[in-house]
Amino acid sequence: PAPTPEPTPRTTPTPTVAATSSTKSVPLTVRSDPPGATLTVDGKRVGLAPWTGTALPGAIIEVTARLDAHLSTTRILRVGNGPLDAVVELSPMEVQAAKEGTVAVTSTPWAYVSVDGRILGQVTPVRLELAPGSHTIVLENPEAGWTVERTVLVEAGKTVNLDVRK
């Protein structure tokens, strides 16, 4: 009888990832206004603004800026496919002298809080001391993919409760 050939071992091809812009890091530049703030990126102090670094497209980065006589400010940056140039604006401490009302903000699940377009670097639950008047509060949870915007009317000496459940 003729010898039976040995079976050829099967190999699984190694998957390859095409080199696209979505797999390469893109440059980031973070500046502060006023200039020279101390920057923290994702919880690590990186030095004074301006700061340059890189990140993968789709990344979410938390940047906090601190400067004497100014309120610290945090921004959440979403990295796209191209270079990112961001400015973190800091408010002078004097702006907060008119705080007269309270907004108690809670949410389920947790959320980053911004007031009147400023990300505060705080997560729920939080108590906000705000000047009397109308304020827009935005809650955002990037992990869960949701954002909610509410307008509240703050009165001097009173507390407004804002509770958001997703």
N, C-alpha and C. Protein backbone atom coordinates (compact mmCIF):
# COMPACT_ATOMS: atom_id res chain seq x y z
N PRO A 1 0.83 -1.19 0.00
CA PRO A 1 0.00 0.00 0.00
C PRO A 1 0.87 1.25 0.00
N ALA A 2 0.30 2.28 -0.60
CA ALA A 2 1.01 3.56 -0.67
C ALA A 2 0.99 4.22 0.70
N PRO A 3 2.11 4.86 1.07
CA PRO A 3 2.12 5.51 2.38
C PRO A 3 1.15 6.69 2.41
N THR A 4 0.49 6.85 3.53
CA THR A 4 -0.43 8.00 3.66
C THR A 4 0.38 9.22 4.07
N PRO A 5 0.12 10.32 3.38
CA PRO A 5 0.89 11.52 3.70
C PRO A 5 0.53 12.04 5.10
N GLU A 6 1.53 12.61 5.73
CA GLU A 6 1.31 13.22 7.04
C GLU A 6 0.40 14.44 6.85
N PRO A 7 -0.56 14.61 7.76
CA PRO A 7 -1.41 15.81 7.63
C PRO A 7 -0.59 17.08 7.84
N THR A 8 -0.90 18.08 7.04
CA THR A 8 -0.21 19.37 7.17
C THR A 8 -0.78 20.10 8.39
N PRO A 9 0.11 20.52 9.30
CA PRO A 9 -0.43 21.22 10.47
C PRO A 9 -1.09 22.53 10.05
N ARG A 10 -2.22 22.84 10.66
CA ARG A 10 -2.95 24.09 10.37
C ARG A 10 -2.36 25.21 11.23
N THR A 11 -2.16 26.29 10.60
CA THR A 11 -1.69 27.46 11.36
C THR A 11 -2.75 28.54 11.28
N THR A 12 -2.89 29.25 12.35
CA THR A 12 -3.83 30.36 12.38
C THR A 12 -3.06 31.62 12.05
N PRO A 13 -3.50 32.34 11.03
CA PRO A 13 -2.78 33.57 10.69
C PRO A 13 -2.86 34.58 11.83
N THR A 14 -1.77 35.30 12.01
CA THR A 14 -1.74 36.35 13.02
C THR A 14 -2.48 37.56 12.49
N PRO A 15 -3.48 38.05 13.25
CA PRO A 15 -4.20 39.22 12.75
C PRO A 15 -3.28 40.44 12.71
N THR A 16 -3.48 41.24 11.70
CA THR A 16 -2.70 42.47 11.60
C THR A 16 -3.64 43.65 11.67
N VAL A 17 -3.17 44.72 12.24
CA VAL A 17 -3.96 45.94 12.34
C VAL A 17 -3.41 46.91 11.31
N ALA A 18 -4.29 47.38 10.48
CA ALA A 18 -3.86 48.34 9.46
C ALA A 18 -3.41 49.62 10.14
N ALA A 19 -2.36 50.20 9.64
CA ALA A 19 -1.84 51.45 10.21
C ALA A 19 -2.71 52.59 9.72
N THR A 20 -3.65 52.99 10.54
CA THR A 20 -4.52 54.11 10.20
C THR A 20 -4.31 55.20 11.21
N SER A 21 -4.89 56.35 10.94
CA SER A 21 -4.73 57.47 11.86
C SER A 21 -5.35 57.16 13.22
N SER A 22 -6.32 56.21 13.25
CA SER A 22 -6.96 55.92 14.52
C SER A 22 -6.10 55.05 15.43
N THR A 23 -4.98 54.50 14.92
CA THR A 23 -4.13 53.68 15.77
C THR A 23 -2.85 54.40 16.17
N LYS A 24 -2.66 55.63 15.71
CA LYS A 24 -1.45 56.39 16.02
C LYS A 24 -1.78 57.50 17.00
N SER A 25 -0.84 57.78 17.88
CA SER A 25 -1.03 58.88 18.81
C SER A 25 -1.05 60.21 18.06
N VAL A 26 -1.82 61.14 18.59
CA VAL A 26 -1.88 62.48 18.00
C VAL A 26 -1.34 63.48 19.02
N PRO A 27 -0.79 64.59 18.55
CA PRO A 27 -0.23 65.58 19.48
C PRO A 27 -1.31 66.36 20.21
N LEU A 28 -1.02 66.69 21.47
CA LEU A 28 -1.90 67.49 22.31
C LEU A 28 -1.13 68.71 22.79
N THR A 29 -1.79 69.85 22.84
CA THR A 29 -1.22 71.04 23.46
C THR A 29 -2.28 71.61 24.38
N VAL A 30 -1.90 71.86 25.63
CA VAL A 30 -2.83 72.46 26.60
C VAL A 30 -2.20 73.77 27.08
N ARG A 31 -2.95 74.86 26.90
CA ARG A 31 -2.52 76.17 27.36
C ARG A 31 -3.48 76.63 28.44
N SER A 32 -3.09 77.65 29.19
CA SER A 32 -3.99 78.21 30.20
C SER A 32 -4.17 79.70 29.94
N ASP A 33 -5.32 80.21 30.35
CA ASP A 33 -5.61 81.63 30.27
C ASP A 33 -6.12 82.07 31.62
N PRO A 34 -5.33 82.83 32.40
CA PRO A 34 -4.02 83.38 32.07
C PRO A 34 -2.95 82.29 31.99
N PRO A 35 -1.83 82.61 31.29
CA PRO A 35 -0.77 81.62 31.09
C PRO A 35 -0.05 81.26 32.38
N GLY A 36 0.64 80.11 32.35
CA GLY A 36 1.52 79.72 33.45
C GLY A 36 0.88 78.90 34.55
N ALA A 37 -0.33 78.41 34.35
CA ALA A 37 -0.97 77.59 35.38
C ALA A 37 -0.27 76.24 35.51
N THR A 38 -0.31 75.67 36.70
CA THR A 38 0.20 74.32 36.94
C THR A 38 -0.85 73.34 36.42
N LEU A 39 -0.42 72.40 35.58
CA LEU A 39 -1.36 71.46 34.96
C LEU A 39 -1.22 70.07 35.55
N THR A 40 -2.37 69.41 35.71
CA THR A 40 -2.44 68.01 36.09
C THR A 40 -3.23 67.31 34.99
N VAL A 41 -2.66 66.23 34.44
CA VAL A 41 -3.32 65.48 33.37
C VAL A 41 -3.59 64.07 33.89
N ASP A 42 -4.86 63.69 33.90
CA ASP A 42 -5.28 62.38 34.41
C ASP A 42 -4.68 62.09 35.78
N GLY A 43 -4.69 63.11 36.65
CA GLY A 43 -4.23 62.93 38.02
C GLY A 43 -2.74 63.05 38.25
N LYS A 44 -1.95 63.29 37.19
CA LYS A 44 -0.50 63.41 37.34
C LYS A 44 -0.06 64.83 36.99
N ARG A 45 0.72 65.44 37.90
CA ARG A 45 1.22 66.79 37.65
C ARG A 45 2.22 66.74 36.50
N VAL A 46 2.00 67.58 35.48
CA VAL A 46 2.87 67.56 34.31
C VAL A 46 3.68 68.84 34.13
N GLY A 47 3.45 69.84 35.00
CA GLY A 47 4.24 71.07 34.90
C GLY A 47 3.37 72.26 34.58
N LEU A 48 4.02 73.30 34.08
CA LEU A 48 3.32 74.55 33.79
C LEU A 48 2.82 74.59 32.35
N ALA A 49 1.70 75.30 32.15
CA ALA A 49 1.18 75.50 30.81
C ALA A 49 2.08 76.50 30.08
N PRO A 50 2.31 76.32 28.79
CA PRO A 50 1.72 75.30 27.93
C PRO A 50 2.42 73.94 28.09
N TRP A 51 1.65 72.89 27.87
CA TRP A 51 2.14 71.51 27.97
C TRP A 51 1.83 70.81 26.66
N THR A 52 2.75 69.96 26.21
CA THR A 52 2.50 69.16 25.02
C THR A 52 2.67 67.70 25.37
N GLY A 53 1.90 66.86 24.73
CA GLY A 53 1.95 65.42 24.93
C GLY A 53 1.27 64.74 23.75
N THR A 54 0.99 63.44 23.91
CA THR A 54 0.30 62.69 22.87
C THR A 54 -0.75 61.80 23.51
N ALA A 55 -1.73 61.39 22.71
CA ALA A 55 -2.76 60.47 23.16
C ALA A 55 -3.36 59.78 21.95
N LEU A 56 -3.98 58.64 22.19
CA LEU A 56 -4.63 57.92 21.11
C LEU A 56 -5.99 58.55 20.80
N PRO A 57 -6.37 58.57 19.53
CA PRO A 57 -7.70 59.08 19.18
C PRO A 57 -8.77 58.32 19.96
N GLY A 58 -9.78 59.04 20.41
CA GLY A 58 -10.86 58.44 21.18
C GLY A 58 -10.63 58.51 22.68
N ALA A 59 -9.42 58.85 23.10
CA ALA A 59 -9.12 58.93 24.53
C ALA A 59 -9.86 60.10 25.16
N ILE A 60 -10.22 59.94 26.44
CA ILE A 60 -10.82 61.02 27.22
C ILE A 60 -9.80 61.39 28.28
N ILE A 61 -9.42 62.66 28.31
CA ILE A 61 -8.36 63.13 29.19
C ILE A 61 -8.90 64.21 30.12
N GLU A 62 -8.57 64.12 31.41
CA GLU A 62 -8.98 65.12 32.38
C GLU A 62 -7.79 66.03 32.67
N VAL A 63 -7.96 67.33 32.42
CA VAL A 63 -6.90 68.31 32.63
C VAL A 63 -7.37 69.31 33.69
N THR A 64 -6.56 69.49 34.75
CA THR A 64 -6.87 70.48 35.78
C THR A 64 -5.77 71.53 35.78
N ALA A 65 -6.19 72.80 35.82
CA ALA A 65 -5.24 73.93 35.85
C ALA A 65 -5.42 74.68 37.17
N ARG A 66 -4.28 75.01 37.80
CA ARG A 66 -4.28 75.76 39.06
C ARG A 66 -3.33 76.94 38.93
N LEU A 67 -3.77 78.10 39.46
CA LEU A 67 -2.96 79.31 39.42
C LEU A 67 -3.33 80.16 40.63
N ASP A 68 -2.32 80.72 41.30
CA ASP A 68 -2.58 81.56 42.47
C ASP A 68 -3.62 82.63 42.15
N ALA A 69 -4.49 82.90 43.13
CA ALA A 69 -5.54 83.92 43.05
C ALA A 69 -6.61 83.60 42.00
N HIS A 70 -6.67 82.34 41.54
CA HIS A 70 -7.68 81.90 40.57
C HIS A 70 -8.31 80.60 41.06
N LEU A 71 -9.53 80.36 40.61
CA LEU A 71 -10.19 79.09 40.91
C LEU A 71 -9.57 78.00 40.05
N SER A 72 -9.33 76.82 40.63
CA SER A 72 -8.83 75.73 39.80
C SER A 72 -9.96 75.31 38.85
N THR A 73 -9.57 74.91 37.65
CA THR A 73 -10.54 74.56 36.62
C THR A 73 -10.14 73.24 35.99
N THR A 74 -11.13 72.38 35.76
CA THR A 74 -10.89 71.09 35.12
C THR A 74 -11.68 71.02 33.83
N ARG A 75 -11.04 70.50 32.79
CA ARG A 75 -11.71 70.26 31.50
C ARG A 75 -11.55 68.81 31.13
N ILE A 76 -12.57 68.27 30.54
CA ILE A 76 -12.53 66.91 29.99
C ILE A 76 -12.33 67.06 28.49
N LEU A 77 -11.24 66.48 27.98
CA LEU A 77 -10.91 66.60 26.56
C LEU A 77 -11.12 65.27 25.87
N ARG A 78 -11.77 65.30 24.72
CA ARG A 78 -11.93 64.10 23.91
C ARG A 78 -10.97 64.22 22.73
N VAL A 79 -10.11 63.25 22.57
CA VAL A 79 -9.08 63.29 21.53
C VAL A 79 -9.68 62.79 20.22
N GLY A 80 -9.51 63.59 19.16
CA GLY A 80 -9.98 63.19 17.84
C GLY A 80 -8.85 62.57 17.04
N ASN A 81 -8.99 62.56 15.71
CA ASN A 81 -7.98 61.95 14.84
C ASN A 81 -6.85 62.90 14.49
N GLY A 82 -6.99 64.18 14.84
CA GLY A 82 -5.96 65.15 14.51
C GLY A 82 -5.45 65.84 15.76
N PRO A 83 -4.48 66.73 15.59
CA PRO A 83 -3.89 67.45 16.72
C PRO A 83 -4.97 68.17 17.55
N LEU A 84 -4.76 68.22 18.87
CA LEU A 84 -5.70 68.89 19.77
C LEU A 84 -4.97 70.03 20.47
N ASP A 85 -5.56 71.23 20.37
CA ASP A 85 -5.03 72.42 21.03
C ASP A 85 -6.14 72.94 21.93
N ALA A 86 -5.96 72.84 23.25
CA ALA A 86 -7.00 73.22 24.19
C ALA A 86 -6.52 74.35 25.10
N VAL A 87 -7.44 75.21 25.49
CA VAL A 87 -7.15 76.29 26.42
C VAL A 87 -8.04 76.10 27.64
N VAL A 88 -7.43 76.07 28.83
CA VAL A 88 -8.17 76.00 30.08
C VAL A 88 -8.23 77.41 30.65
N GLU A 89 -9.45 77.96 30.76
CA GLU A 89 -9.62 79.32 31.26
C GLU A 89 -9.87 79.28 32.76
N LEU A 90 -9.12 80.13 33.49
CA LEU A 90 -9.27 80.20 34.94
C LEU A 90 -9.93 81.52 35.33
N SER A 91 -10.82 81.46 36.31
CA SER A 91 -11.51 82.67 36.79
C SER A 91 -10.82 83.20 38.03
N PRO A 92 -10.71 84.53 38.14
CA PRO A 92 -10.13 85.10 39.36
C PRO A 92 -11.00 84.76 40.57
N MET A 93 -10.38 84.65 41.74
CA MET A 93 -11.10 84.33 42.98
C MET A 93 -12.21 85.34 43.27
N GLU A 94 -12.03 86.61 42.92
CA GLU A 94 -13.01 87.64 43.24
C GLU A 94 -14.39 87.33 42.66
N VAL A 95 -14.45 86.58 41.58
CA VAL A 95 -15.72 86.24 40.96
C VAL A 95 -16.62 85.50 41.95
N GLN A 96 -16.04 84.76 42.87
CA GLN A 96 -16.82 83.95 43.79
C GLN A 96 -17.33 84.73 45.00
N ALA A 97 -16.96 85.99 45.16
CA ALA A 97 -17.35 86.75 46.35
C ALA A 97 -18.87 86.91 46.46
N ALA A 98 -19.60 86.81 45.36
CA ALA A 98 -21.04 87.05 45.38
C ALA A 98 -21.86 85.79 45.66
N LYS A 99 -21.23 84.67 46.08
CA LYS A 99 -21.97 83.43 46.34
C LYS A 99 -23.01 83.66 47.43
N GLU A 100 -24.26 83.35 47.12
CA GLU A 100 -25.30 83.57 48.11
C GLU A 100 -26.35 82.48 48.14
N GLY A 101 -26.36 81.57 47.20
CA GLY A 101 -27.33 80.49 47.20
C GLY A 101 -26.62 79.17 47.00
N THR A 102 -27.32 78.06 47.27
CA THR A 102 -26.72 76.74 47.18
C THR A 102 -27.52 75.87 46.21
N VAL A 103 -26.79 75.08 45.41
CA VAL A 103 -27.42 74.05 44.59
C VAL A 103 -26.81 72.73 45.03
N ALA A 104 -27.64 71.82 45.51
CA ALA A 104 -27.21 70.48 45.91
C ALA A 104 -27.46 69.55 44.73
N VAL A 105 -26.37 69.05 44.13
CA VAL A 105 -26.47 68.25 42.90
C VAL A 105 -26.14 66.80 43.21
N THR A 106 -27.04 65.90 42.85
CA THR A 106 -26.82 64.46 42.99
C THR A 106 -27.19 63.79 41.68
N SER A 107 -26.60 62.61 41.45
CA SER A 107 -26.97 61.84 40.25
C SER A 107 -26.66 60.37 40.47
N THR A 108 -27.37 59.55 39.74
CA THR A 108 -27.11 58.11 39.70
C THR A 108 -27.10 57.72 38.24
N PRO A 109 -25.96 57.23 37.70
CA PRO A 109 -24.67 57.09 38.35
C PRO A 109 -23.99 58.46 38.48
N TRP A 110 -22.74 58.45 38.93
CA TRP A 110 -21.94 59.66 39.13
C TRP A 110 -21.85 60.47 37.83
N ALA A 111 -21.50 61.75 37.97
CA ALA A 111 -21.31 62.59 36.78
C ALA A 111 -20.37 63.74 37.10
N TYR A 112 -19.63 64.18 36.08
CA TYR A 112 -18.87 65.42 36.18
C TYR A 112 -19.89 66.56 36.15
N VAL A 113 -19.55 67.67 36.81
CA VAL A 113 -20.47 68.79 36.91
C VAL A 113 -19.84 70.03 36.29
N SER A 114 -20.62 70.72 35.44
CA SER A 114 -20.19 72.02 34.96
C SER A 114 -21.32 73.01 35.20
N VAL A 115 -20.94 74.27 35.41
CA VAL A 115 -21.91 75.33 35.67
C VAL A 115 -21.63 76.47 34.71
N ASP A 116 -22.65 76.86 33.98
CA ASP A 116 -22.54 77.97 33.04
C ASP A 116 -21.35 77.80 32.10
N GLY A 117 -21.13 76.57 31.62
CA GLY A 117 -20.07 76.28 30.65
C GLY A 117 -18.71 76.00 31.25
N ARG A 118 -18.57 76.05 32.57
CA ARG A 118 -17.28 75.80 33.23
C ARG A 118 -17.31 74.44 33.92
N ILE A 119 -16.39 73.55 33.52
CA ILE A 119 -16.26 72.26 34.19
C ILE A 119 -15.55 72.52 35.52
N LEU A 120 -16.14 72.02 36.59
CA LEU A 120 -15.63 72.34 37.92
C LEU A 120 -14.59 71.36 38.44
N GLY A 121 -14.43 70.23 37.79
CA GLY A 121 -13.49 69.23 38.30
C GLY A 121 -14.05 68.48 39.48
N GLN A 122 -15.37 68.51 39.63
CA GLN A 122 -16.03 67.82 40.73
C GLN A 122 -17.04 66.84 40.16
N VAL A 123 -17.31 65.80 40.95
CA VAL A 123 -18.32 64.83 40.56
C VAL A 123 -19.42 64.83 41.61
N THR A 124 -20.57 64.34 41.19
CA THR A 124 -21.70 64.26 42.10
C THR A 124 -21.43 63.20 43.16
N PRO A 125 -21.96 63.40 44.38
CA PRO A 125 -22.77 64.53 44.85
C PRO A 125 -21.89 65.73 45.18
N VAL A 126 -22.44 66.93 44.98
CA VAL A 126 -21.69 68.15 45.26
C VAL A 126 -22.66 69.27 45.64
N ARG A 127 -22.19 70.17 46.51
CA ARG A 127 -22.96 71.36 46.87
C ARG A 127 -22.25 72.56 46.25
N LEU A 128 -22.98 73.34 45.48
CA LEU A 128 -22.41 74.48 44.77
C LEU A 128 -22.94 75.76 45.38
N GLU A 129 -22.05 76.69 45.72
CA GLU A 129 -22.42 78.01 46.19
C GLU A 129 -22.37 78.94 44.98
N LEU A 130 -23.54 79.47 44.58
CA LEU A 130 -23.61 80.28 43.37
C LEU A 130 -24.30 81.60 43.64
N ALA A 131 -23.97 82.59 42.82
CA ALA A 131 -24.63 83.90 42.90
C ALA A 131 -26.10 83.74 42.55
N PRO A 132 -26.95 84.55 43.13
CA PRO A 132 -28.37 84.49 42.77
C PRO A 132 -28.56 84.70 41.27
N GLY A 133 -29.55 84.01 40.71
CA GLY A 133 -29.86 84.13 39.29
C GLY A 133 -30.00 82.78 38.65
N SER A 134 -30.14 82.80 37.34
CA SER A 134 -30.31 81.58 36.56
C SER A 134 -28.95 80.99 36.19
N HIS A 135 -28.80 79.67 36.36
CA HIS A 135 -27.55 78.99 36.04
C HIS A 135 -27.86 77.70 35.27
N THR A 136 -27.02 77.40 34.28
CA THR A 136 -27.14 76.16 33.53
C THR A 136 -26.14 75.16 34.09
N ILE A 137 -26.66 74.01 34.53
CA ILE A 137 -25.83 72.96 35.09
C ILE A 137 -25.86 71.77 34.14
N VAL A 138 -24.67 71.29 33.79
CA VAL A 138 -24.56 70.13 32.91
C VAL A 138 -23.90 69.01 33.69
N LEU A 139 -24.51 67.83 33.64
CA LEU A 139 -23.96 66.62 34.23
C LEU A 139 -23.56 65.71 33.09
N GLU A 140 -22.33 65.13 33.19
CA GLU A 140 -21.83 64.28 32.12
C GLU A 140 -21.10 63.09 32.70
N ASN A 141 -21.46 61.91 32.20
CA ASN A 141 -20.76 60.69 32.56
C ASN A 141 -20.23 60.09 31.26
N PRO A 142 -18.94 60.35 30.91
CA PRO A 142 -18.41 59.87 29.64
C PRO A 142 -18.33 58.35 29.57
N GLU A 143 -18.16 57.67 30.70
CA GLU A 143 -18.10 56.21 30.69
C GLU A 143 -19.44 55.61 30.29
N ALA A 144 -20.55 56.19 30.79
CA ALA A 144 -21.88 55.69 30.47
C ALA A 144 -22.44 56.34 29.20
N GLY A 145 -21.77 57.40 28.72
CA GLY A 145 -22.18 58.03 27.47
C GLY A 145 -23.42 58.90 27.58
N TRP A 146 -23.60 59.61 28.69
CA TRP A 146 -24.77 60.48 28.79
C TRP A 146 -24.40 61.86 29.30
N THR A 147 -25.23 62.83 28.87
CA THR A 147 -25.09 64.22 29.28
C THR A 147 -26.50 64.76 29.52
N VAL A 148 -26.68 65.49 30.63
CA VAL A 148 -27.97 66.09 30.95
C VAL A 148 -27.74 67.56 31.28
N GLU A 149 -28.57 68.43 30.73
CA GLU A 149 -28.47 69.87 31.00
C GLU A 149 -29.74 70.34 31.69
N ARG A 150 -29.59 71.09 32.78
CA ARG A 150 -30.72 71.64 33.51
C ARG A 150 -30.44 73.11 33.84
N THR A 151 -31.49 73.92 33.87
CA THR A 151 -31.38 75.30 34.29
C THR A 151 -32.03 75.43 35.66
N VAL A 152 -31.32 76.07 36.59
CA VAL A 152 -31.85 76.26 37.94
C VAL A 152 -31.85 77.75 38.27
N LEU A 153 -32.80 78.14 39.11
CA LEU A 153 -32.88 79.53 39.57
C LEU A 153 -32.41 79.54 41.02
N VAL A 154 -31.30 80.22 41.28
CA VAL A 154 -30.70 80.28 42.61
C VAL A 154 -31.18 81.56 43.29
N GLU A 155 -31.63 81.40 44.54
CA GLU A 155 -32.05 82.55 45.33
C GLU A 155 -31.13 82.68 46.53
N ALA A 156 -30.86 83.92 46.92
CA ALA A 156 -29.98 84.19 48.06
C ALA A 156 -30.49 83.49 49.31
N GLY A 157 -29.58 82.78 50.00
CA GLY A 157 -29.92 82.13 51.25
C GLY A 157 -30.75 80.87 51.14
N LYS A 158 -31.04 80.41 49.92
CA LYS A 158 -31.88 79.21 49.74
C LYS A 158 -31.08 78.11 49.05
N THR A 159 -31.59 76.88 49.19
CA THR A 159 -30.95 75.72 48.55
C THR A 159 -31.89 75.15 47.50
N VAL A 160 -31.34 74.88 46.33
CA VAL A 160 -32.06 74.21 45.25
C VAL A 160 -31.48 72.80 45.14
N ASN A 161 -32.35 71.78 45.10
CA ASN A 161 -31.92 70.40 44.93
C ASN A 161 -32.07 69.99 43.48
N LEU A 162 -31.00 69.42 42.91
CA LEU A 162 -31.03 68.91 41.54
C LEU A 162 -30.58 67.44 41.60
N ASP A 163 -31.49 66.53 41.26
CA ASP A 163 -31.20 65.10 41.31
C ASP A 163 -31.50 64.51 39.92
N VAL A 164 -30.48 63.88 39.32
CA VAL A 164 -30.64 63.29 37.99
C VAL A 164 -30.36 61.80 38.10
N ARG A 165 -31.27 61.00 37.57
CA ARG A 165 -31.10 59.53 37.58
C ARG A 165 -31.19 59.03 36.16
N LYS A 166 -30.18 58.23 35.77
CA LYS A 166 -30.15 57.67 34.41
C LYS A 166 -30.34 56.19 34.47
